N, C-alpha and C. Protein backbone atom coordinates (compact mmCIF):
# COMPACT_ATOMS: atom_id res chain seq x y z
N MET A 1 189.78 223.78 4.71
CA MET A 1 190.67 223.46 5.82
C MET A 1 189.92 222.74 6.92
N LYS A 2 188.71 223.22 7.22
CA LYS A 2 187.89 222.58 8.25
C LYS A 2 187.55 221.15 7.84
N ARG A 3 187.30 220.96 6.53
CA ARG A 3 186.96 219.62 6.06
C ARG A 3 188.14 218.67 6.25
N VAL A 4 189.35 219.15 6.01
CA VAL A 4 190.54 218.31 6.18
C VAL A 4 190.73 217.92 7.64
N VAL A 5 190.53 218.89 8.56
CA VAL A 5 190.66 218.62 10.00
C VAL A 5 189.63 217.60 10.45
N SER A 6 188.41 217.73 9.94
CA SER A 6 187.34 216.78 10.31
C SER A 6 187.68 215.37 9.85
N LEU A 7 188.21 215.26 8.63
CA LEU A 7 188.58 213.95 8.12
C LEU A 7 189.69 213.31 8.96
N LEU A 8 190.68 214.14 9.35
CA LEU A 8 191.77 213.62 10.19
C LEU A 8 191.24 213.14 11.53
N PHE A 9 190.31 213.89 12.11
CA PHE A 9 189.72 213.52 13.40
C PHE A 9 188.98 212.19 13.31
N LEU A 10 188.22 212.01 12.21
CA LEU A 10 187.49 210.77 12.03
C LEU A 10 188.43 209.59 11.85
N LEU A 11 189.53 209.80 11.11
CA LEU A 11 190.49 208.73 10.91
C LEU A 11 191.15 208.30 12.22
N LEU A 12 191.54 209.30 13.06
CA LEU A 12 192.18 208.99 14.34
C LEU A 12 191.22 208.28 15.27
N THR A 13 189.95 208.71 15.29
CA THR A 13 188.95 208.07 16.15
C THR A 13 188.71 206.63 15.74
N GLY A 14 188.63 206.40 14.42
CA GLY A 14 188.42 205.04 13.93
C GLY A 14 189.59 204.13 14.24
N ALA A 15 190.81 204.65 14.15
CA ALA A 15 192.00 203.85 14.45
C ALA A 15 192.03 203.46 15.92
N ALA A 16 191.69 204.41 16.81
CA ALA A 16 191.68 204.12 18.24
C ALA A 16 190.64 203.08 18.58
N SER A 17 189.46 203.19 17.93
CA SER A 17 188.39 202.22 18.18
C SER A 17 188.78 200.83 17.71
N ALA A 18 189.43 200.74 16.55
CA ALA A 18 189.86 199.45 16.03
C ALA A 18 190.91 198.81 16.93
N GLN A 19 191.83 199.63 17.49
CA GLN A 19 192.85 199.11 18.38
C GLN A 19 192.23 198.57 19.66
N ALA A 20 191.22 199.27 20.18
CA ALA A 20 190.55 198.81 21.40
C ALA A 20 189.85 197.49 21.16
N GLN A 21 189.23 197.33 19.99
CA GLN A 21 188.55 196.09 19.69
C GLN A 21 189.53 194.94 19.52
N MET A 22 190.73 195.21 19.06
CA MET A 22 191.72 194.16 18.87
C MET A 22 192.32 193.71 20.20
N THR A 23 192.50 194.65 21.16
CA THR A 23 193.14 194.31 22.43
C THR A 23 192.17 193.74 23.44
N ALA A 24 190.87 193.93 23.27
CA ALA A 24 189.89 193.46 24.25
C ALA A 24 189.93 191.95 24.42
N PRO A 25 189.97 191.13 23.36
CA PRO A 25 190.02 189.68 23.56
C PRO A 25 191.25 189.22 24.31
N ALA A 26 192.39 189.90 24.11
CA ALA A 26 193.61 189.52 24.82
C ALA A 26 193.43 189.70 26.31
N ALA A 27 192.73 190.78 26.74
CA ALA A 27 192.50 191.00 28.16
C ALA A 27 191.57 189.95 28.71
N ALA A 28 190.65 189.48 27.89
CA ALA A 28 189.68 188.49 28.38
C ALA A 28 190.29 187.11 28.53
N THR A 29 191.46 186.86 27.91
CA THR A 29 192.07 185.54 27.96
C THR A 29 193.10 185.42 29.08
N THR A 30 193.09 186.35 30.05
CA THR A 30 194.05 186.30 31.15
C THR A 30 193.57 185.42 32.29
N ASN A 31 192.50 184.65 32.09
CA ASN A 31 192.01 183.75 33.12
C ASN A 31 193.03 182.63 33.35
N THR A 32 193.47 182.47 34.61
CA THR A 32 194.51 181.49 34.92
C THR A 32 193.94 180.24 35.57
N ALA A 33 192.63 180.06 35.58
CA ALA A 33 192.03 178.88 36.20
C ALA A 33 192.18 177.68 35.29
N PRO A 34 192.52 176.51 35.84
CA PRO A 34 192.60 175.30 35.02
C PRO A 34 191.22 174.91 34.52
N PRO A 35 191.14 174.24 33.38
CA PRO A 35 189.83 173.91 32.81
C PRO A 35 189.11 172.78 33.52
N ASP A 36 189.82 172.01 34.35
CA ASP A 36 189.20 170.83 34.96
C ASP A 36 189.28 170.81 36.48
N LEU A 37 189.51 171.96 37.10
CA LEU A 37 189.56 172.03 38.56
C LEU A 37 188.79 173.27 39.01
N VAL A 38 187.73 173.05 39.78
CA VAL A 38 186.84 174.13 40.20
C VAL A 38 186.95 174.32 41.71
N VAL A 39 187.09 175.58 42.14
CA VAL A 39 187.10 175.90 43.57
C VAL A 39 185.66 176.09 44.03
N LEU A 40 185.21 175.23 44.94
CA LEU A 40 183.83 175.27 45.41
C LEU A 40 183.66 176.16 46.63
N GLN A 41 184.59 176.08 47.56
CA GLN A 41 184.50 176.85 48.79
C GLN A 41 185.89 177.29 49.23
N LYS A 42 185.92 178.34 50.03
CA LYS A 42 187.18 178.80 50.62
C LYS A 42 186.89 179.42 51.97
N LYS A 43 187.82 179.25 52.90
CA LYS A 43 187.68 179.86 54.22
C LYS A 43 189.03 179.80 54.94
N TRP A 44 189.18 180.65 55.95
CA TRP A 44 190.39 180.64 56.75
C TRP A 44 190.01 180.81 58.22
N GLN A 45 190.88 180.32 59.09
CA GLN A 45 190.67 180.40 60.53
C GLN A 45 192.00 180.71 61.21
N SER A 46 191.91 181.25 62.42
CA SER A 46 193.11 181.50 63.23
C SER A 46 192.93 180.82 64.58
N PHE A 47 194.03 180.25 65.07
CA PHE A 47 194.03 179.55 66.36
C PHE A 47 195.16 180.11 67.22
N SER A 48 194.87 180.32 68.51
CA SER A 48 195.86 180.83 69.45
C SER A 48 196.04 179.84 70.59
N ARG A 49 197.29 179.71 71.04
CA ARG A 49 197.57 178.87 72.20
C ARG A 49 198.76 179.43 72.95
N ASN A 50 198.73 179.27 74.26
CA ASN A 50 199.83 179.69 75.12
C ASN A 50 200.49 178.44 75.70
N PRO A 51 201.71 178.11 75.28
CA PRO A 51 202.36 176.88 75.76
C PRO A 51 202.47 176.83 77.27
N ALA A 52 202.61 178.01 77.91
CA ALA A 52 202.76 178.02 79.37
C ALA A 52 201.50 177.59 80.08
N LEU A 53 200.36 177.70 79.40
CA LEU A 53 199.09 177.33 80.02
C LEU A 53 198.68 175.90 79.72
N ASP A 54 199.44 175.24 78.86
CA ASP A 54 199.12 173.85 78.56
C ASP A 54 199.32 173.00 79.80
N GLN A 55 198.38 172.18 80.12
CA GLN A 55 198.44 171.35 81.32
C GLN A 55 199.50 170.27 81.18
N ASP A 56 200.34 170.15 82.21
CA ASP A 56 201.36 169.11 82.22
C ASP A 56 200.71 167.80 82.64
N PRO A 57 200.79 166.76 81.85
CA PRO A 57 200.14 165.49 82.21
C PRO A 57 200.74 164.83 83.44
N PHE A 58 201.95 165.29 83.88
CA PHE A 58 202.59 164.69 85.05
C PHE A 58 202.30 165.47 86.33
N ASP A 59 201.51 166.57 86.22
CA ASP A 59 201.22 167.35 87.41
C ASP A 59 200.50 166.52 88.47
N ALA A 60 199.54 165.70 88.05
CA ALA A 60 198.78 164.89 89.01
C ALA A 60 199.70 163.91 89.72
N ASN A 61 200.64 163.30 89.00
CA ASN A 61 201.59 162.38 89.62
C ASN A 61 202.49 163.11 90.61
N ASP A 62 202.92 164.32 90.24
CA ASP A 62 203.77 165.10 91.12
C ASP A 62 203.04 165.46 92.41
N ASP A 63 201.77 165.84 92.29
CA ASP A 63 200.99 166.19 93.47
C ASP A 63 200.87 164.98 94.40
N PHE A 64 200.62 163.82 93.83
CA PHE A 64 200.49 162.61 94.64
C PHE A 64 201.82 162.27 95.33
N ALA A 65 202.93 162.39 94.59
CA ALA A 65 204.24 162.09 95.17
C ALA A 65 204.58 163.06 96.28
N ASP A 66 204.26 164.33 96.11
CA ASP A 66 204.53 165.32 97.15
C ASP A 66 203.72 165.02 98.41
N THR A 67 202.48 164.62 98.23
CA THR A 67 201.64 164.29 99.39
C THR A 67 202.19 163.09 100.15
N GLN A 68 202.60 162.06 99.41
CA GLN A 68 203.16 160.87 100.04
C GLN A 68 204.46 161.20 100.77
N ARG A 69 205.30 162.01 100.17
CA ARG A 69 206.58 162.38 100.78
C ARG A 69 206.35 163.19 102.05
N ALA A 70 205.43 164.14 101.97
CA ALA A 70 205.13 164.95 103.15
C ALA A 70 204.59 164.11 104.29
N GLN A 71 203.78 163.11 103.96
CA GLN A 71 203.22 162.23 104.99
C GLN A 71 204.32 161.42 105.67
N ARG A 72 205.28 160.92 104.88
CA ARG A 72 206.37 160.14 105.46
C ARG A 72 207.24 161.01 106.37
N VAL A 73 207.52 162.23 105.92
CA VAL A 73 208.33 163.13 106.73
C VAL A 73 207.61 163.46 108.03
N ASN A 74 206.31 163.70 107.94
CA ASN A 74 205.55 164.03 109.14
C ASN A 74 205.54 162.86 110.13
N ASP A 75 205.38 161.63 109.62
CA ASP A 75 205.40 160.46 110.50
C ASP A 75 206.75 160.29 111.17
N GLN A 76 207.83 160.52 110.39
CA GLN A 76 209.17 160.38 110.96
C GLN A 76 209.42 161.42 112.04
N MET A 77 208.98 162.65 111.81
CA MET A 77 209.19 163.71 112.80
C MET A 77 208.39 163.42 114.06
N ASN A 78 207.19 162.89 113.94
CA ASN A 78 206.39 162.56 115.12
C ASN A 78 207.07 161.48 115.96
N LYS A 79 207.66 160.47 115.28
CA LYS A 79 208.37 159.42 116.01
C LYS A 79 209.58 159.98 116.74
N MET A 80 210.31 160.89 116.07
CA MET A 80 211.50 161.47 116.69
C MET A 80 211.13 162.33 117.87
N ARG A 81 210.02 163.09 117.74
CA ARG A 81 209.59 163.91 118.87
C ARG A 81 209.19 163.02 120.05
N GLY A 82 208.60 161.86 119.74
CA GLY A 82 208.21 160.95 120.81
C GLY A 82 209.41 160.41 121.57
N ARG A 83 210.58 160.32 120.91
CA ARG A 83 211.79 159.85 121.57
C ARG A 83 212.60 160.99 122.14
N GLY A 84 212.07 162.22 122.01
CA GLY A 84 212.78 163.38 122.54
C GLY A 84 213.91 163.85 121.66
N ALA A 85 213.92 163.44 120.42
CA ALA A 85 214.98 163.84 119.50
C ALA A 85 214.47 164.91 118.56
N GLU A 86 215.40 165.52 117.86
CA GLU A 86 215.08 166.55 116.89
C GLU A 86 215.45 166.06 115.50
N ALA A 87 214.76 166.58 114.53
CA ALA A 87 215.07 166.23 113.15
C ALA A 87 216.45 166.72 112.78
N LEU A 88 217.26 165.83 112.19
CA LEU A 88 218.62 166.19 111.80
C LEU A 88 218.66 166.82 110.42
N GLU A 89 217.70 166.53 109.59
CA GLU A 89 217.69 167.05 108.22
C GLU A 89 216.36 167.72 107.95
N PRO A 90 216.39 168.79 107.16
CA PRO A 90 215.12 169.42 106.78
C PRO A 90 214.35 168.52 105.84
N PRO A 91 213.04 168.68 105.75
CA PRO A 91 212.25 167.85 104.83
C PRO A 91 212.70 168.07 103.39
N PRO A 92 212.64 167.05 102.56
CA PRO A 92 213.08 167.18 101.16
C PRO A 92 212.24 168.20 100.43
N PRO A 93 212.86 168.89 99.48
CA PRO A 93 212.10 169.92 98.74
C PRO A 93 211.03 169.29 97.86
N SER A 94 210.00 170.05 97.62
CA SER A 94 208.92 169.59 96.76
C SER A 94 209.36 169.60 95.31
N THR A 95 208.91 168.60 94.57
CA THR A 95 209.24 168.53 93.14
C THR A 95 208.17 169.17 92.28
N LYS A 96 207.18 169.79 92.91
CA LYS A 96 206.08 170.37 92.15
C LYS A 96 206.58 171.53 91.30
N ARG A 97 206.16 171.58 90.08
CA ARG A 97 206.59 172.63 89.16
C ARG A 97 206.02 173.97 89.56
N ASN A 98 206.78 175.00 89.33
CA ASN A 98 206.34 176.35 89.66
C ASN A 98 205.42 176.86 88.56
N LYS A 99 204.16 177.06 88.90
CA LYS A 99 203.19 177.51 87.91
C LYS A 99 203.07 179.03 87.84
N ASP A 100 203.87 179.72 88.69
CA ASP A 100 203.80 181.18 88.71
C ASP A 100 204.84 181.81 87.81
N THR A 101 205.54 181.02 87.01
CA THR A 101 206.53 181.58 86.10
C THR A 101 205.84 182.38 85.01
N PRO A 102 206.52 183.40 84.47
CA PRO A 102 205.89 184.23 83.44
C PRO A 102 205.44 183.40 82.24
N HIS A 103 204.29 183.75 81.69
CA HIS A 103 203.76 183.03 80.53
C HIS A 103 204.58 183.36 79.29
N SER A 104 204.78 182.38 78.47
CA SER A 104 205.48 182.61 77.22
C SER A 104 204.55 183.29 76.21
N GLU A 105 205.12 183.67 75.09
CA GLU A 105 204.35 184.39 74.07
C GLU A 105 203.29 183.49 73.45
N VAL A 106 202.14 184.07 73.19
CA VAL A 106 201.04 183.33 72.58
C VAL A 106 201.40 182.98 71.13
N ILE A 107 201.19 181.75 70.75
CA ILE A 107 201.47 181.28 69.39
C ILE A 107 200.17 181.31 68.59
N LYS A 108 200.20 181.98 67.45
CA LYS A 108 199.02 182.09 66.60
C LYS A 108 199.28 181.37 65.28
N THR A 109 198.34 180.55 64.88
CA THR A 109 198.45 179.79 63.63
C THR A 109 197.25 180.10 62.75
N TYR A 110 197.52 180.32 61.47
CA TYR A 110 196.47 180.59 60.49
C TYR A 110 196.31 179.38 59.58
N VAL A 111 195.07 178.97 59.39
CA VAL A 111 194.77 177.80 58.56
C VAL A 111 193.90 178.23 57.39
N TYR A 112 194.34 177.92 56.18
CA TYR A 112 193.63 178.30 54.96
C TYR A 112 193.13 177.04 54.26
N ARG A 113 191.86 177.05 53.87
CA ARG A 113 191.23 175.87 53.27
C ARG A 113 190.55 176.23 51.96
N ALA A 114 190.58 175.29 51.03
CA ALA A 114 189.88 175.44 49.75
C ALA A 114 189.33 174.08 49.33
N LYS A 115 188.04 174.03 49.09
CA LYS A 115 187.41 172.80 48.61
C LYS A 115 187.36 172.84 47.10
N VAL A 116 187.91 171.81 46.45
CA VAL A 116 188.01 171.79 44.98
C VAL A 116 187.38 170.52 44.43
N LYS A 117 187.01 170.59 43.15
CA LYS A 117 186.41 169.44 42.47
C LYS A 117 187.10 169.22 41.14
N ASN A 118 187.38 167.96 40.85
CA ASN A 118 187.98 167.57 39.57
C ASN A 118 186.86 167.34 38.57
N THR A 119 186.74 168.24 37.60
CA THR A 119 185.70 168.12 36.58
C THR A 119 186.23 167.55 35.27
N GLY A 120 187.50 167.12 35.27
CA GLY A 120 188.09 166.59 34.05
C GLY A 120 188.05 165.08 33.99
N ALA A 121 188.88 164.53 33.10
CA ALA A 121 188.90 163.08 32.87
C ALA A 121 190.16 162.42 33.42
N LYS A 122 191.07 163.20 34.02
CA LYS A 122 192.32 162.65 34.53
C LYS A 122 192.41 162.84 36.04
N THR A 123 193.10 161.92 36.70
CA THR A 123 193.28 162.00 38.15
C THR A 123 194.35 163.02 38.49
N ILE A 124 194.05 163.91 39.43
CA ILE A 124 194.98 164.97 39.85
C ILE A 124 195.77 164.48 41.06
N CYS A 125 197.10 164.72 41.06
CA CYS A 125 197.93 164.24 42.17
C CYS A 125 198.67 165.34 42.91
N VAL A 126 198.92 166.49 42.29
CA VAL A 126 199.61 167.60 42.96
C VAL A 126 198.97 168.91 42.51
N ILE A 127 198.78 169.83 43.49
CA ILE A 127 198.21 171.14 43.18
C ILE A 127 199.05 172.22 43.84
N ASP A 128 199.55 173.16 43.05
CA ASP A 128 200.17 174.38 43.57
C ASP A 128 199.10 175.46 43.63
N TRP A 129 198.86 176.00 44.80
CA TRP A 129 197.76 176.95 44.94
C TRP A 129 198.12 178.04 45.94
N GLY A 130 197.33 179.10 45.93
CA GLY A 130 197.56 180.21 46.83
C GLY A 130 196.25 180.76 47.37
N TYR A 131 196.29 181.18 48.63
CA TYR A 131 195.15 181.85 49.26
C TYR A 131 195.54 183.32 49.37
N ASN A 132 194.92 184.16 48.57
CA ASN A 132 195.32 185.55 48.45
C ASN A 132 194.27 186.48 49.06
N PHE A 133 194.75 187.60 49.58
CA PHE A 133 193.87 188.62 50.15
C PHE A 133 194.02 189.91 49.34
N LEU A 134 192.87 190.55 49.05
CA LEU A 134 192.83 191.70 48.16
C LEU A 134 192.31 192.93 48.89
N ASP A 135 192.80 194.09 48.46
CA ASP A 135 192.29 195.36 48.96
C ASP A 135 190.83 195.49 48.54
N PRO A 136 189.91 195.80 49.47
CA PRO A 136 188.49 195.85 49.11
C PRO A 136 188.15 196.96 48.13
N ASP A 137 188.97 198.00 48.06
CA ASP A 137 188.68 199.13 47.17
C ASP A 137 189.37 198.99 45.82
N THR A 138 190.66 198.67 45.83
CA THR A 138 191.44 198.64 44.59
C THR A 138 191.61 197.24 44.02
N GLN A 139 191.24 196.20 44.79
CA GLN A 139 191.45 194.80 44.40
C GLN A 139 192.93 194.46 44.22
N GLN A 140 193.79 195.29 44.78
CA GLN A 140 195.22 195.01 44.73
C GLN A 140 195.57 193.90 45.72
N GLU A 141 196.48 193.03 45.33
CA GLU A 141 196.86 191.91 46.19
C GLU A 141 197.68 192.42 47.37
N LEU A 142 197.20 192.12 48.59
CA LEU A 142 197.87 192.57 49.81
C LEU A 142 198.61 191.44 50.52
N GLY A 143 198.15 190.23 50.35
CA GLY A 143 198.78 189.09 51.01
C GLY A 143 198.64 187.84 50.17
N GLN A 144 199.67 187.00 50.19
CA GLN A 144 199.69 185.79 49.37
C GLN A 144 200.30 184.65 50.17
N HIS A 145 199.58 183.54 50.26
CA HIS A 145 200.05 182.36 50.98
C HIS A 145 200.06 181.18 50.00
N LEU A 146 201.25 180.70 49.68
CA LEU A 146 201.43 179.69 48.64
C LEU A 146 201.69 178.31 49.25
N TYR A 147 201.08 177.30 48.63
CA TYR A 147 201.22 175.93 49.13
C TYR A 147 201.29 174.95 47.96
N THR A 148 201.93 173.82 48.21
CA THR A 148 201.92 172.67 47.30
C THR A 148 201.32 171.50 48.05
N THR A 149 200.21 170.97 47.55
CA THR A 149 199.47 169.92 48.25
C THR A 149 199.40 168.67 47.39
N LYS A 150 199.81 167.55 47.97
CA LYS A 150 199.68 166.26 47.29
C LYS A 150 198.28 165.71 47.52
N VAL A 151 197.62 165.32 46.46
CA VAL A 151 196.25 164.83 46.55
C VAL A 151 196.09 163.62 45.63
N LYS A 152 194.92 163.06 45.64
CA LYS A 152 194.53 162.05 44.66
C LYS A 152 193.04 162.24 44.40
N ILE A 153 192.75 163.15 43.46
CA ILE A 153 191.36 163.50 43.17
C ILE A 153 190.99 162.86 41.84
N ARG A 154 190.16 161.86 41.90
CA ARG A 154 189.70 161.18 40.69
C ARG A 154 188.65 162.04 39.97
N PRO A 155 188.41 161.77 38.71
CA PRO A 155 187.40 162.53 37.96
C PRO A 155 186.05 162.50 38.66
N GLY A 156 185.47 163.69 38.81
CA GLY A 156 184.17 163.81 39.45
C GLY A 156 184.21 163.87 40.96
N HIS A 157 185.38 163.75 41.57
CA HIS A 157 185.49 163.75 43.02
C HIS A 157 185.96 165.10 43.55
N GLU A 158 185.80 165.28 44.87
CA GLU A 158 186.18 166.52 45.55
C GLU A 158 187.22 166.23 46.62
N ASP A 159 187.94 167.28 47.00
CA ASP A 159 188.91 167.17 48.09
C ASP A 159 189.12 168.56 48.68
N GLU A 160 189.75 168.60 49.86
CA GLU A 160 190.00 169.87 50.53
C GLU A 160 191.49 170.13 50.61
N LEU A 161 191.91 171.30 50.17
CA LEU A 161 193.29 171.74 50.28
C LEU A 161 193.44 172.51 51.58
N VAL A 162 194.48 172.19 52.35
CA VAL A 162 194.70 172.83 53.65
C VAL A 162 196.13 173.34 53.72
N GLY A 163 196.28 174.61 54.09
CA GLY A 163 197.60 175.20 54.28
C GLY A 163 197.67 175.92 55.61
N ARG A 164 198.82 175.82 56.28
CA ARG A 164 199.01 176.46 57.58
C ARG A 164 200.16 177.44 57.51
N SER A 165 200.05 178.52 58.30
CA SER A 165 201.08 179.54 58.29
C SER A 165 201.08 180.27 59.63
N ALA A 166 202.27 180.74 60.02
CA ALA A 166 202.38 181.57 61.21
C ALA A 166 202.23 183.05 60.87
N LYS A 167 202.16 183.37 59.58
CA LYS A 167 202.03 184.76 59.14
C LYS A 167 200.57 185.14 59.03
N PRO A 168 200.23 186.39 59.36
CA PRO A 168 198.84 186.84 59.22
C PRO A 168 198.44 186.97 57.77
N GLN A 169 197.16 187.35 57.55
CA GLN A 169 196.65 187.43 56.19
C GLN A 169 197.45 188.40 55.33
N THR A 170 197.74 189.58 55.87
CA THR A 170 198.47 190.60 55.13
C THR A 170 199.55 191.19 56.02
N ALA A 171 200.60 191.70 55.37
CA ALA A 171 201.66 192.37 56.12
C ALA A 171 201.29 193.82 56.41
N THR A 172 200.67 194.49 55.44
CA THR A 172 200.27 195.89 55.60
C THR A 172 198.90 196.09 54.97
N ILE A 173 198.25 197.16 55.37
CA ILE A 173 196.97 197.54 54.79
C ILE A 173 196.86 199.06 54.83
N SER A 174 196.28 199.64 53.80
CA SER A 174 196.18 201.09 53.71
C SER A 174 195.22 201.62 54.76
N ALA A 175 195.45 202.87 55.17
CA ALA A 175 194.58 203.49 56.17
C ALA A 175 193.15 203.62 55.65
N LYS A 176 193.00 203.80 54.35
CA LYS A 176 191.67 203.94 53.76
C LYS A 176 190.88 202.65 53.85
N SER A 177 191.57 201.51 53.77
CA SER A 177 190.90 200.21 53.79
C SER A 177 190.85 199.59 55.18
N ALA A 178 191.43 200.28 56.17
CA ALA A 178 191.45 199.73 57.52
C ALA A 178 190.03 199.56 58.04
N GLY A 179 189.77 198.43 58.66
CA GLY A 179 188.45 198.15 59.20
C GLY A 179 187.50 197.51 58.22
N LYS A 180 187.85 197.49 56.95
CA LYS A 180 187.00 196.88 55.93
C LYS A 180 187.37 195.41 55.75
N GLU A 181 186.40 194.63 55.32
CA GLU A 181 186.64 193.21 55.09
C GLU A 181 187.45 193.02 53.81
N LEU A 182 188.54 192.28 53.91
CA LEU A 182 189.40 192.06 52.76
C LEU A 182 188.77 191.08 51.78
N GLY A 183 189.08 191.28 50.50
CA GLY A 183 188.66 190.31 49.50
C GLY A 183 189.52 189.06 49.58
N GLU A 184 188.95 187.92 49.25
CA GLU A 184 189.67 186.64 49.31
C GLU A 184 189.60 185.94 47.96
N GLN A 185 190.69 185.28 47.62
CA GLN A 185 190.77 184.63 46.31
C GLN A 185 191.67 183.40 46.40
N VAL A 186 191.19 182.28 45.88
CA VAL A 186 192.01 181.08 45.77
C VAL A 186 192.46 180.94 44.32
N VAL A 187 193.77 180.89 44.11
CA VAL A 187 194.34 180.83 42.76
C VAL A 187 195.07 179.50 42.59
N ILE A 188 194.80 178.82 41.50
CA ILE A 188 195.50 177.58 41.15
C ILE A 188 196.64 177.92 40.20
N TYR A 189 197.87 177.63 40.59
CA TYR A 189 199.04 177.99 39.79
C TYR A 189 199.59 176.83 38.97
N ARG A 190 199.34 175.62 39.41
CA ARG A 190 199.89 174.46 38.70
C ARG A 190 199.13 173.21 39.11
N VAL A 191 198.87 172.33 38.14
CA VAL A 191 198.19 171.07 38.42
C VAL A 191 198.98 169.94 37.76
N GLU A 192 199.31 168.93 38.55
CA GLU A 192 200.03 167.77 38.03
C GLU A 192 199.10 166.56 38.06
N TYR A 193 199.08 165.82 36.96
CA TYR A 193 198.16 164.70 36.83
C TYR A 193 198.89 163.37 37.02
N GLU A 194 198.12 162.33 37.27
CA GLU A 194 198.68 161.02 37.55
C GLU A 194 199.41 160.44 36.35
N ASP A 195 199.02 160.84 35.14
CA ASP A 195 199.68 160.32 33.94
C ASP A 195 200.97 161.07 33.60
N GLY A 196 201.37 162.03 34.46
CA GLY A 196 202.61 162.77 34.25
C GLY A 196 202.44 164.10 33.55
N SER A 197 201.28 164.39 33.01
CA SER A 197 201.06 165.67 32.34
C SER A 197 200.86 166.77 33.38
N VAL A 198 201.08 168.01 32.94
CA VAL A 198 201.03 169.17 33.84
C VAL A 198 200.25 170.29 33.18
N TRP A 199 199.41 170.97 33.98
CA TRP A 199 198.76 172.19 33.51
C TRP A 199 199.38 173.38 34.21
N GLN A 200 199.68 174.41 33.44
CA GLN A 200 200.14 175.69 33.97
C GLN A 200 199.53 176.80 33.14
N PRO A 201 199.26 177.95 33.75
CA PRO A 201 198.70 179.06 32.97
C PRO A 201 199.72 179.57 31.97
N PRO A 202 199.27 180.07 30.83
CA PRO A 202 200.20 180.61 29.84
C PRO A 202 200.91 181.83 30.39
N PRO A 203 202.16 182.06 30.00
CA PRO A 203 202.89 183.23 30.50
C PRO A 203 202.23 184.52 30.03
N GLN A 204 202.15 185.47 30.95
CA GLN A 204 201.57 186.77 30.61
C GLN A 204 202.55 187.58 29.79
N GLN A 205 202.04 188.19 28.75
CA GLN A 205 202.89 188.99 27.86
C GLN A 205 202.74 190.47 28.16
């Protein structure tokens, strides 16, 4: 009886091992990178601006006009006082803009860049790509920014892909990963060539 149990155990172990060996190559072929486009560099930046603080190019002209107007009013009032008369009208209001108004909300823009090189034999004209952010512990995708960029990258040449967004890198992040640097990944989803051919990753099964 013990011999029969041992044989069954060996058969089950061998079957599991054979199945693992058969499925391993399939997992290794999930690479979605195109064969002729290499990502050399990647980086992102954020820019902030407050529209209320932007300098009005007409402020200097307004200041000059106000000064001239005030001078004319002052001269006119001096002449009237010299004749013993009083001003019939108040001085005209200043046209100077009120700079003490509440500031509007700060506008933040995120810029994502990827430097790529065409290592193939065909000219690339369109690239669908994404700048993704990953959880540093689980490598789970936390944020995805997708773009379609028109280019003209000849064989052996390089170019920079640039995407802009008003959305931050990620919408949410786990408390465990808070404060840690997120992983970054540039993914190429589609490549269109000048001759009309297209590369796309095979569908995942």
